[in-house]
Amino acid sequence: MANDLNTTFTFLNGRTVHRIGYGAMRLTGQPRNFGPYANWQGGIELLQRARDLGVTHIDTARAYGPHDNEKLIADALVDEHGNYGEMFIASKGGVEKTAASIRRDTSAETMKRHLAESLASLRTDKIELYYVHSPDGVTPISESVAALEEMRQAGKIDMIGLSNVSRSQVEEALRVAPIAAVQNRYSTADARDEALEDTIDWLNDQRIAFVPHGPLGANPMKQGAAVDPGQALRTLLARAPNVLVIPGTTTIAHLENNAAALAPLYARGSDHLGSGMANDHGTAVRP
């Protein structure tokens, strides 16, 4: 299998990322991913270790904390010149969180405000990928995306993503602006959803990345994987060449174990994930 998988994905704008990323949501206060991460320095060290292992795609959201997760990423990964270097940071807006509640608001005004807050928290002038976190059921997805497209044209983001959406919502969004990625719940631990399987194939045809959240079957409000991480991630990577995995963990040991489990897919005998990240040619395999 090591020679049968693409190790990278190239977006339509030409940006190439490694298909193995890191989901940073757990680096927040618990329970409910609210407040700052208790071991702030430990979070910095974990993110830097992920970078050292060759992970460049870091996934976060304004709602994680809120704000705290993005600020932790900035503390860990912004270099002495105020840049992220080769790191690819993806964030999301459109969810309001308090200690007691979560409320979706993807109105144009809120999407612009949340993006401005994410830019400040991440200490950057531009975010490479910014998602509509979860449609609010009131605002048409086209309006949310139009607001982000305005911000893309203004140079605040490079690409637009959608999270927790249907294929019809992606099609509606595409009539307004280019869509680079879709992030939906998808795990080998979950019941098979034929509509979602078809959507993944369709997204691949469109050269739109599919980024499964909850790839290890975990409850988003609780810690712990429901499946073997190495096997689950290998299966997801084999599913289609547009699948980008973003497993999350709060320990360096688990991070290194994930890297070791996936390393054979990229370089036989390598224990350094990044050392095998070369462009191979791959085919889509349905589980």
C-alpha atoms as a PDB file:
ATOM      1  CA  MET A   1       0.000   0.000   0.000  1.00  0.00           C
ATOM      2  CA  ALA A   2       2.944   2.361   0.572  1.00  0.00           C
ATOM      3  CA  ASN A   3       3.277   3.043  -3.136  1.00  0.00           C
ATOM      4  CA  ASP A   4      -0.463   3.205  -3.849  1.00  0.00           C
ATOM      5  CA  LEU A   5      -1.420   6.412  -2.055  1.00  0.00           C
ATOM      6  CA  ASN A   6      -1.015  10.080  -2.778  1.00  0.00           C
ATOM      7  CA  THR A   7       0.877  11.588   0.131  1.00  0.00           C
ATOM      8  CA  THR A   8      -0.185  15.147  -0.680  1.00  0.00           C
ATOM      9  CA  PHE A   9      -3.238  16.982  -1.966  1.00  0.00           C
ATOM     10  CA  THR A  10      -3.130  20.048  -4.200  1.00  0.00           C
ATOM     11  CA  PHE A  11      -5.962  22.545  -4.000  1.00  0.00           C
ATOM     12  CA  LEU A  12      -7.246  24.234  -7.145  1.00  0.00           C
ATOM     13  CA  ASN A  13      -5.281  27.389  -6.265  1.00  0.00           C
ATOM     14  CA  GLY A  14      -2.050  25.377  -6.401  1.00  0.00           C
ATOM     15  CA  ARG A  15      -1.413  25.050  -2.649  1.00  0.00           C
ATOM     16  CA  THR A  16      -0.178  21.570  -1.743  1.00  0.00           C
ATOM     17  CA  VAL A  17      -0.546  20.071   1.743  1.00  0.00           C
ATOM     18  CA  HIS A  18       0.329  16.758   3.328  1.00  0.00           C
ATOM     19  CA  ARG A  19      -2.737  14.576   3.706  1.00  0.00           C
ATOM     20  CA  ILE A  20      -2.015  13.923   7.387  1.00  0.00           C
ATOM     21  CA  GLY A  21      -2.797  16.942   9.541  1.00  0.00           C
ATOM     22  CA  TYR A  22      -3.675  17.643  13.143  1.00  0.00           C
ATOM     23  CA  GLY A  23      -7.041  18.600  14.637  1.00  0.00           C
ATOM     24  CA  ALA A  24      -6.345  20.943  17.545  1.00  0.00           C
ATOM     25  CA  MET A  25      -9.833  21.060  19.114  1.00  0.00           C
ATOM     26  CA  ARG A  26      -8.829  19.035  22.196  1.00  0.00           C
ATOM     27  CA  LEU A  27      -6.240  21.639  23.146  1.00  0.00           C
ATOM     28  CA  THR A  28      -8.947  23.576  24.985  1.00  0.00           C
ATOM     29  CA  GLY A  29     -10.499  23.521  28.429  1.00  0.00           C
ATOM     30  CA  GLN A  30     -12.495  20.419  29.291  1.00  0.00           C
ATOM     31  CA  PRO A  31     -15.250  19.453  29.352  1.00  0.00           C
ATOM     32  CA  ARG A  32     -16.990  20.789  26.235  1.00  0.00           C
ATOM     33  CA  ASN A  33     -13.852  22.277  24.653  1.00  0.00           C
ATOM     34  CA  PHE A  34     -14.466  25.524  26.543  1.00  0.00           C
ATOM     35  CA  GLY A  35     -11.828  27.871  27.927  1.00  0.00           C
ATOM     36  CA  PRO A  36      -8.034  27.763  27.626  1.00  0.00           C
ATOM     37  CA  TYR A  37      -6.108  24.503  27.595  1.00  0.00           C
ATOM     38  CA  ALA A  38      -4.958  23.761  31.153  1.00  0.00           C
ATOM     39  CA  ASN A  39      -1.417  22.792  30.136  1.00  0.00           C
ATOM     40  CA  TRP A  40      -0.656  25.701  27.835  1.00  0.00           C
ATOM     41  CA  GLN A  41       3.080  25.001  27.581  1.00  0.00           C
ATOM     42  CA  GLY A  42       2.352  21.330  26.971  1.00  0.00           C
ATOM     43  CA  GLY A  43       0.041  22.327  24.127  1.00  0.00           C
ATOM     44  CA  ILE A  44       2.785  24.465  22.612  1.00  0.00           C
ATOM     45  CA  GLU A  45       5.219  21.567  22.801  1.00  0.00           C
ATOM     46  CA  LEU A  46       2.719  19.155  21.237  1.00  0.00           C
ATOM     47  CA  LEU A  47       2.017  21.465  18.291  1.00  0.00           C
ATOM     48  CA  GLN A  48       5.715  22.032  17.746  1.00  0.00           C
ATOM     49  CA  ARG A  49       6.329  18.283  17.865  1.00  0.00           C
ATOM     50  CA  ALA A  50       3.613  17.790  15.246  1.00  0.00           C
ATOM     51  CA  ARG A  51       5.413  20.314  13.056  1.00  0.00           C
ATOM     52  CA  ASP A  52       8.714  18.526  13.608  1.00  0.00           C
ATOM     53  CA  LEU A  53       7.094  15.232  12.539  1.00  0.00           C
ATOM     54  CA  GLY A  54       6.170  16.807   9.212  1.00  0.00           C
ATOM     55  CA  VAL A  55       2.568  17.751   9.970  1.00  0.00           C
ATOM     56  CA  THR A  56       1.767  21.083   8.314  1.00  0.00           C
ATOM     57  CA  HIS A  57      -2.060  21.173   8.215  1.00  0.00           C
ATOM     58  CA  ILE A  58      -3.475  22.396  11.543  1.00  0.00           C
ATOM     59  CA  ASP A  59      -7.259  22.586  11.953  1.00  0.00           C
ATOM     60  CA  THR A  60      -8.887  24.892  14.498  1.00  0.00           C
ATOM     61  CA  ALA A  61     -11.960  27.122  14.914  1.00  0.00           C
ATOM     62  CA  ARG A  62     -12.927  30.375  16.563  1.00  0.00           C
ATOM     63  CA  ALA A  63     -15.417  28.426  18.698  1.00  0.00           C
ATOM     64  CA  TYR A  64     -12.711  26.251  20.276  1.00  0.00           C
ATOM     65  CA  GLY A  65     -12.312  28.064  23.567  1.00  0.00           C
ATOM     66  CA  PRO A  66     -13.633  30.314  22.048  1.00  0.00           C
ATOM     67  CA  HIS A  67     -10.486  32.023  20.750  1.00  0.00           C
ATOM     68  CA  ASP A  68      -8.117  30.147  23.063  1.00  0.00           C
ATOM     69  CA  ASN A  69      -7.273  27.363  20.620  1.00  0.00           C
ATOM     70  CA  GLU A  70      -6.306  29.806  17.902  1.00  0.00           C
ATOM     71  CA  LYS A  71      -4.193  31.785  20.374  1.00  0.00           C
ATOM     72  CA  LEU A  72      -2.389  28.629  21.480  1.00  0.00           C
ATOM     73  CA  ILE A  73      -1.598  27.772  17.863  1.00  0.00           C
ATOM     74  CA  ALA A  74      -0.185  31.253  17.359  1.00  0.00           C
ATOM     75  CA  ASP A  75       1.986  30.959  20.466  1.00  0.00           C
ATOM     76  CA  ALA A  76       3.308  27.611  19.241  1.00  0.00           C
ATOM     77  CA  LEU A  77       3.781  28.144  15.530  1.00  0.00           C
ATOM     78  CA  VAL A  78       4.248  31.827  14.656  1.00  0.00           C
ATOM     79  CA  ASP A  79       7.975  32.269  13.996  1.00  0.00           C
ATOM     80  CA  GLU A  80      10.308  35.090  14.948  1.00  0.00           C
ATOM     81  CA  HIS A  81       9.315  36.941  11.779  1.00  0.00           C
ATOM     82  CA  GLY A  82       5.617  36.787  12.629  1.00  0.00           C
ATOM     83  CA  ASN A  83       4.837  34.098  10.050  1.00  0.00           C
ATOM     84  CA  TYR A  84       3.650  30.498   9.976  1.00  0.00           C
ATOM     85  CA  GLY A  85       6.245  29.439   7.414  1.00  0.00           C
ATOM     86  CA  GLU A  86       5.152  26.241   5.669  1.00  0.00           C
ATOM     87  CA  MET A  87       2.303  25.619   8.101  1.00  0.00           C
ATOM     88  CA  PHE A  88      -1.218  25.478   6.641  1.00  0.00           C
ATOM     89  CA  ILE A  89      -3.731  26.835   9.140  1.00  0.00           C
ATOM     90  CA  ALA A  90      -7.455  26.233   8.687  1.00  0.00           C
ATOM     91  CA  SER A  91     -10.064  27.805  10.961  1.00  0.00           C
ATOM     92  CA  LYS A  92     -13.843  28.268  11.073  1.00  0.00           C
ATOM     93  CA  GLY A  93     -16.461  30.841  11.971  1.00  0.00           C
ATOM     94  CA  GLY A  94     -20.194  30.861  12.526  1.00  0.00           C
ATOM     95  CA  VAL A  95     -20.563  29.240  15.956  1.00  0.00           C
ATOM     96  CA  GLU A  96     -21.045  31.196  19.198  1.00  0.00           C
ATOM     97  CA  LYS A  97     -20.064  29.302  22.347  1.00  0.00           C
ATOM     98  CA  THR A  98     -20.459  30.050  26.049  1.00  0.00           C
ATOM     99  CA  ALA A  99     -19.893  27.847  29.074  1.00  0.00           C
ATOM    100  CA  ALA A 100     -23.538  26.772  28.896  1.00  0.00           C
ATOM    101  CA  SER A 101     -24.549  26.902  25.242  1.00  0.00           C
ATOM    102  CA  ILE A 102     -23.578  26.596  21.600  1.00  0.00           C
ATOM    103  CA  ARG A 103     -25.408  28.707  19.028  1.00  0.00           C
ATOM    104  CA  ARG A 104     -24.930  28.759  15.278  1.00  0.00           C
ATOM    105  CA  ASP A 105     -24.937  32.122  13.489  1.00  0.00           C
ATOM    106  CA  THR A 106     -23.684  32.152   9.912  1.00  0.00           C
ATOM    107  CA  SER A 107     -25.121  35.514   8.895  1.00  0.00           C
ATOM    108  CA  ALA A 108     -22.876  37.580   6.654  1.00  0.00           C
ATOM    109  CA  GLU A 109     -22.190  40.088   9.423  1.00  0.00           C
ATOM    110  CA  THR A 110     -21.197  37.385  11.890  1.00  0.00           C
ATOM    111  CA  MET A 111     -19.003  35.521   9.412  1.00  0.00           C
ATOM    112  CA  LYS A 112     -17.035  38.707   8.760  1.00  0.00           C
ATOM    113  CA  ARG A 113     -16.736  39.463  12.472  1.00  0.00           C
ATOM    114  CA  HIS A 114     -15.647  35.959  13.337  1.00  0.00           C
ATOM    115  CA  LEU A 115     -13.017  36.028  10.596  1.00  0.00           C
ATOM    116  CA  ALA A 116     -11.641  39.301  11.948  1.00  0.00           C
ATOM    117  CA  GLU A 117     -11.456  37.764  15.426  1.00  0.00           C
ATOM    118  CA  SER A 118      -9.738  34.637  14.085  1.00  0.00           C
ATOM    119  CA  LEU A 119      -7.153  36.756  12.283  1.00  0.00           C
ATOM    120  CA  ALA A 120      -6.407  38.566  15.548  1.00  0.00           C
ATOM    121  CA  SER A 121      -6.219  35.372  17.609  1.00  0.00           C
ATOM    122  CA  LEU A 122      -3.966  33.652  15.082  1.00  0.00           C
ATOM    123  CA  ARG A 123      -1.820  36.801  14.786  1.00  0.00           C
ATOM    124  CA  THR A 124      -1.873  36.803  11.016  1.00  0.00           C
ATOM    125  CA  ASP A 125      -3.102  38.988   8.160  1.00  0.00           C
ATOM    126  CA  LYS A 126      -4.428  36.045   6.157  1.00  0.00           C
ATOM    127  CA  ILE A 127      -5.812  32.586   6.909  1.00  0.00           C
ATOM    128  CA  GLU A 128      -5.270  30.009   4.202  1.00  0.00           C
ATOM    129  CA  LEU A 129      -8.577  28.165   4.658  1.00  0.00           C
ATOM    130  CA  TYR A 130     -11.653  29.463   6.501  1.00  0.00           C
ATOM    131  CA  TYR A 131     -14.808  27.391   6.892  1.00  0.00           C
ATOM    132  CA  VAL A 132     -18.443  28.126   7.495  1.00  0.00           C
ATOM    133  CA  HIS A 133     -18.469  26.049  10.686  1.00  0.00           C
ATOM    134  CA  SER A 134     -22.091  24.858  10.619  1.00  0.00           C
ATOM    135  CA  PRO A 135     -25.028  26.409   8.735  1.00  0.00           C
ATOM    136  CA  ASP A 136     -27.501  28.019  11.131  1.00  0.00           C
ATOM    137  CA  GLY A 137     -30.620  26.814   9.329  1.00  0.00           C
ATOM    138  CA  VAL A 138     -31.775  30.382   8.701  1.00  0.00           C
ATOM    139  CA  THR A 139     -29.070  32.035   6.613  1.00  0.00           C
ATOM    140  CA  PRO A 140     -28.778  30.620   3.088  1.00  0.00           C
ATOM    141  CA  ILE A 141     -25.348  29.064   2.635  1.00  0.00           C
ATOM    142  CA  SER A 142     -24.913  31.298  -0.405  1.00  0.00           C
ATOM    143  CA  GLU A 143     -25.067  34.395   1.831  1.00  0.00           C
ATOM    144  CA  SER A 144     -22.501  33.017   4.281  1.00  0.00           C
ATOM    145  CA  VAL A 145     -20.175  32.108   1.439  1.00  0.00           C
ATOM    146  CA  ALA A 146     -20.677  35.452  -0.305  1.00  0.00           C
ATOM    147  CA  ALA A 147     -19.426  37.173   2.856  1.00  0.00           C
ATOM    148  CA  LEU A 148     -16.322  35.002   2.914  1.00  0.00           C
ATOM    149  CA  GLU A 149     -15.788  35.528  -0.801  1.00  0.00           C
ATOM    150  CA  GLU A 150     -15.788  39.269  -0.161  1.00  0.00           C
ATOM    151  CA  MET A 151     -13.097  38.688   2.450  1.00  0.00           C
ATOM    152  CA  ARG A 152     -11.167  36.427   0.066  1.00  0.00           C
ATOM    153  CA  GLN A 153     -11.196  39.146  -2.574  1.00  0.00           C
ATOM    154  CA  ALA A 154      -9.927  41.549   0.107  1.00  0.00           C
ATOM    155  CA  GLY A 155      -6.962  39.243   0.808  1.00  0.00           C
ATOM    156  CA  LYS A 156      -8.069  38.095   4.275  1.00  0.00           C
ATOM    157  CA  ILE A 157      -8.323  34.405   3.358  1.00  0.00           C
ATOM    158  CA  ASP A 158      -6.990  32.271   0.524  1.00  0.00           C
ATOM    159  CA  MET A 159      -9.711  29.625   0.349  1.00  0.00           C
ATOM    160  CA  ILE A 160     -13.250  28.952   1.556  1.00  0.00           C
ATOM    161  CA  GLY A 161     -14.435  25.748   3.187  1.00  0.00           C
ATOM    162  CA  LEU A 162     -17.769  24.346   4.388  1.00  0.00           C
ATOM    163  CA  SER A 163     -18.378  22.167   7.425  1.00  0.00           C
ATOM    164  CA  ASN A 164     -21.392  20.053   8.390  1.00  0.00           C
ATOM    165  CA  VAL A 165     -23.095  20.500   5.026  1.00  0.00           C
ATOM    166  CA  SER A 166     -25.004  18.485   2.451  1.00  0.00           C
ATOM    167  CA  ARG A 167     -24.048  18.082  -1.189  1.00  0.00           C
ATOM    168  CA  SER A 168     -26.878  20.424  -2.196  1.00  0.00           C
ATOM    169  CA  GLN A 169     -25.446  23.118   0.068  1.00  0.00           C
ATOM    170  CA  VAL A 170     -22.020  22.667  -1.524  1.00  0.00           C
ATOM    171  CA  GLU A 171     -23.600  23.012  -4.954  1.00  0.00           C
ATOM    172  CA  GLU A 172     -25.388  26.192  -3.841  1.00  0.00           C
ATOM    173  CA  ALA A 173     -22.134  27.599  -2.459  1.00  0.00           C
ATOM    174  CA  LEU A 174     -20.248  26.807  -5.665  1.00  0.00           C
ATOM    175  CA  ARG A 175     -22.582  29.127  -7.551  1.00  0.00           C
ATOM    176  CA  VAL A 176     -21.218  31.974  -5.412  1.00  0.00           C
ATOM    177  CA  ALA A 177     -17.506  31.200  -4.942  1.00  0.00           C
ATOM    178  CA  PRO A 178     -14.884  28.466  -5.306  1.00  0.00           C
ATOM    179  CA  ILE A 179     -15.049  25.937  -2.462  1.00  0.00           C
ATOM    180  CA  ALA A 180     -11.762  24.314  -1.474  1.00  0.00           C
ATOM    181  CA  ALA A 181     -12.754  21.859   1.257  1.00  0.00           C
ATOM    182  CA  VAL A 182     -15.683  20.190   2.987  1.00  0.00           C
ATOM    183  CA  GLN A 183     -15.393  18.986   6.582  1.00  0.00           C
ATOM    184  CA  ASN A 184     -18.100  16.567   7.747  1.00  0.00           C
ATOM    185  CA  ARG A 185     -18.334  13.834  10.354  1.00  0.00           C
ATOM    186  CA  TYR A 186     -16.936  10.595   8.885  1.00  0.00           C
ATOM    187  CA  SER A 187     -15.385   7.604  10.604  1.00  0.00           C
ATOM    188  CA  THR A 188     -15.089   3.877  10.131  1.00  0.00           C
ATOM    189  CA  ALA A 189     -16.772   3.631  13.548  1.00  0.00           C
ATOM    190  CA  ASP A 190     -19.957   5.266  12.264  1.00  0.00           C
ATOM    191  CA  ALA A 191     -22.801   3.629  10.355  1.00  0.00           C
ATOM    192  CA  ARG A 192     -22.279   3.749   6.607  1.00  0.00           C
ATOM    193  CA  ASP A 193     -24.027   6.697   4.934  1.00  0.00           C
ATOM    194  CA  GLU A 194     -24.431   6.075   1.208  1.00  0.00           C
ATOM    195  CA  ALA A 195     -25.269   9.696   0.452  1.00  0.00           C
ATOM    196  CA  LEU A 196     -22.070  10.798   2.156  1.00  0.00           C
ATOM    197  CA  GLU A 197     -20.057   8.127   0.331  1.00  0.00           C
ATOM    198  CA  ASP A 198     -21.398   9.454  -2.972  1.00  0.00           C
ATOM    199  CA  THR A 199     -20.627  13.013  -1.905  1.00  0.00           C
ATOM    200  CA  ILE A 200     -17.000  12.134  -1.158  1.00  0.00           C
ATOM    201  CA  ASP A 201     -16.645  10.696  -4.657  1.00  0.00           C
ATOM    202  CA  TRP A 202     -18.310  13.764  -6.168  1.00  0.00           C
ATOM    203  CA  LEU A 203     -16.029  16.097  -4.203  1.00  0.00           C
ATOM    204  CA  ASN A 204     -13.037  14.145  -5.463  1.00  0.00           C
ATOM    205  CA  ASP A 205     -14.249  14.674  -9.031  1.00  0.00           C
ATOM    206  CA  GLN A 206     -14.477  18.411  -8.288  1.00  0.00           C
ATOM    207  CA  ARG A 207     -10.965  18.409  -6.746  1.00  0.00           C
ATOM    208  CA  ILE A 208     -12.447  19.596  -3.449  1.00  0.00           C
ATOM    209  CA  ALA A 209     -10.771  18.241  -0.328  1.00  0.00           C
ATOM    210  CA  PHE A 210     -12.826  16.166   2.101  1.00  0.00           C
ATOM    211  CA  VAL A 211     -11.661  16.533   5.708  1.00  0.00           C
ATOM    212  CA  PRO A 212     -13.385  14.072   8.074  1.00  0.00           C
ATOM    213  CA  HIS A 213     -13.942  15.376  11.570  1.00  0.00           C
ATOM    214  CA  GLY A 214     -14.251  12.729  14.257  1.00  0.00           C
ATOM    215  CA  PRO A 215     -12.089  10.372  12.151  1.00  0.00           C
ATOM    216  CA  LEU A 216     -11.515   8.072  15.141  1.00  0.00           C
ATOM    217  CA  GLY A 217     -15.185   7.916  16.077  1.00  0.00           C
ATOM    218  CA  ALA A 218     -14.874  10.047  19.214  1.00  0.00           C
ATOM    219  CA  ASN A 219     -17.695  12.070  20.719  1.00  0.00           C
ATOM    220  CA  PRO A 220     -16.818  15.714  19.924  1.00  0.00           C
ATOM    221  CA  MET A 221     -17.486  16.695  23.559  1.00  0.00           C
ATOM    222  CA  LYS A 222     -15.491  13.837  25.080  1.00  0.00           C
ATOM    223  CA  GLN A 223     -11.979  12.456  24.749  1.00  0.00           C
ATOM    224  CA  GLY A 224     -11.058   8.990  23.512  1.00  0.00           C
ATOM    225  CA  ALA A 225     -10.998   7.151  20.178  1.00  0.00           C
ATOM    226  CA  ALA A 226     -13.635   4.543  19.392  1.00  0.00           C
ATOM    227  CA  VAL A 227     -11.441   2.647  16.908  1.00  0.00           C
ATOM    228  CA  ASP A 228      -7.798   1.713  16.457  1.00  0.00           C
ATOM    229  CA  PRO A 229      -6.216   4.999  15.305  1.00  0.00           C
ATOM    230  CA  GLY A 230      -3.641   3.571  12.920  1.00  0.00           C
ATOM    231  CA  GLN A 231      -6.061   1.279  11.084  1.00  0.00           C
ATOM    232  CA  ALA A 232      -8.812   3.887  10.941  1.00  0.00           C
ATOM    233  CA  LEU A 233      -6.534   6.560   9.503  1.00  0.00           C
ATOM    234  CA  ARG A 234      -5.049   4.170   6.951  1.00  0.00           C
ATOM    235  CA  THR A 235      -8.563   3.257   5.810  1.00  0.00           C
ATOM    236  CA  LEU A 236      -9.569   6.893   5.479  1.00  0.00           C
ATOM    237  CA  LEU A 237      -6.464   7.779   3.486  1.00  0.00           C
ATOM    238  CA  ALA A 238      -7.181   4.883   1.140  1.00  0.00           C
ATOM    239  CA  ARG A 239     -10.805   5.958   0.695  1.00  0.00           C
ATOM    240  CA  ALA A 240     -10.059   8.650  -1.904  1.00  0.00           C
ATOM    241  CA  PRO A 241      -7.077  10.875  -2.793  1.00  0.00           C
ATOM    242  CA  ASN A 242      -8.926  14.030  -1.711  1.00  0.00           C
ATOM    243  CA  VAL A 243      -9.326  12.838   1.908  1.00  0.00           C
ATOM    244  CA  LEU A 244      -7.205  14.798   4.401  1.00  0.00           C
ATOM    245  CA  VAL A 245      -7.093  13.352   7.916  1.00  0.00           C
ATOM    246  CA  ILE A 246      -6.799  15.543  11.017  1.00  0.00           C
ATOM    247  CA  PRO A 247      -6.590  13.241  14.055  1.00  0.00           C
ATOM    248  CA  GLY A 248      -6.345  15.047  17.369  1.00  0.00           C
ATOM    249  CA  THR A 249      -4.631  14.121  20.600  1.00  0.00           C
ATOM    250  CA  THR A 250      -3.434  15.823  23.763  1.00  0.00           C
ATOM    251  CA  THR A 251      -0.285  13.747  24.258  1.00  0.00           C
ATOM    252  CA  ILE A 252       2.967  13.688  22.338  1.00  0.00           C
ATOM    253  CA  ALA A 253       3.118   9.916  22.805  1.00  0.00           C
ATOM    254  CA  HIS A 254      -0.182   9.410  20.976  1.00  0.00           C
ATOM    255  CA  LEU A 255       0.894  11.889  18.305  1.00  0.00           C
ATOM    256  CA  GLU A 256       4.094   9.912  17.726  1.00  0.00           C
ATOM    257  CA  ASN A 257       2.169   6.618  17.738  1.00  0.00           C
ATOM    258  CA  ASN A 258      -0.154   7.929  15.026  1.00  0.00           C
ATOM    259  CA  ALA A 259       2.849   9.053  13.008  1.00  0.00           C
ATOM    260  CA  ALA A 260       4.551   5.682  13.416  1.00  0.00           C
ATOM    261  CA  ALA A 261       1.395   3.825  12.359  1.00  0.00           C
ATOM    262  CA  LEU A 262       1.090   5.897   9.201  1.00  0.00           C
ATOM    263  CA  ALA A 263       4.772   6.193   8.293  1.00  0.00           C
ATOM    264  CA  PRO A 264       4.852   2.885   6.310  1.00  0.00           C
ATOM    265  CA  LEU A 265       2.318   4.373   3.910  1.00  0.00           C
ATOM    266  CA  TYR A 266       4.840   7.033   2.953  1.00  0.00           C
ATOM    267  CA  ALA A 267       8.332   5.627   3.396  1.00  0.00           C
ATOM    268  CA  ARG A 268       9.148   2.047   4.225  1.00  0.00           C
ATOM    269  CA  GLY A 269      11.298   1.854   7.335  1.00  0.00           C
ATOM    270  CA  SER A 270      10.884   5.545   8.145  1.00  0.00           C
ATOM    271  CA  ASP A 271       9.898   6.641  11.628  1.00  0.00           C
ATOM    272  CA  HIS A 272       9.674  10.288  10.586  1.00  0.00           C
ATOM    273  CA  LEU A 273       6.358  11.102   9.012  1.00  0.00           C
ATOM    274  CA  GLY A 274       7.626  14.084   7.075  1.00  0.00           C
ATOM    275  CA  SER A 275      10.571  12.252   5.519  1.00  0.00           C
ATOM    276  CA  GLY A 276       8.242  10.202   3.348  1.00  0.00           C
ATOM    277  CA  MET A 277       5.969  13.000   2.184  1.00  0.00           C
ATOM    278  CA  ALA A 278       6.703  12.750  -1.519  1.00  0.00           C
ATOM    279  CA  ASN A 279       4.195  12.818  -4.362  1.00  0.00           C
ATOM    280  CA  ASP A 280       3.049   9.293  -5.177  1.00  0.00           C
ATOM    281  CA  HIS A 281       0.236   8.396  -7.538  1.00  0.00           C
ATOM    282  CA  GLY A 282      -2.856   6.884  -5.963  1.00  0.00           C
ATOM    283  CA  THR A 283      -6.292   5.507  -6.653  1.00  0.00           C
ATOM    284  CA  ALA A 284      -9.540   5.830  -4.739  1.00  0.00           C
ATOM    285  CA  VAL A 285     -10.630   2.763  -2.786  1.00  0.00           C
ATOM    286  CA  ARG A 286     -14.084   2.443  -1.277  1.00  0.00           C
ATOM    287  CA  PRO A 287     -14.104   0.760   2.157  1.00  0.00           C
END
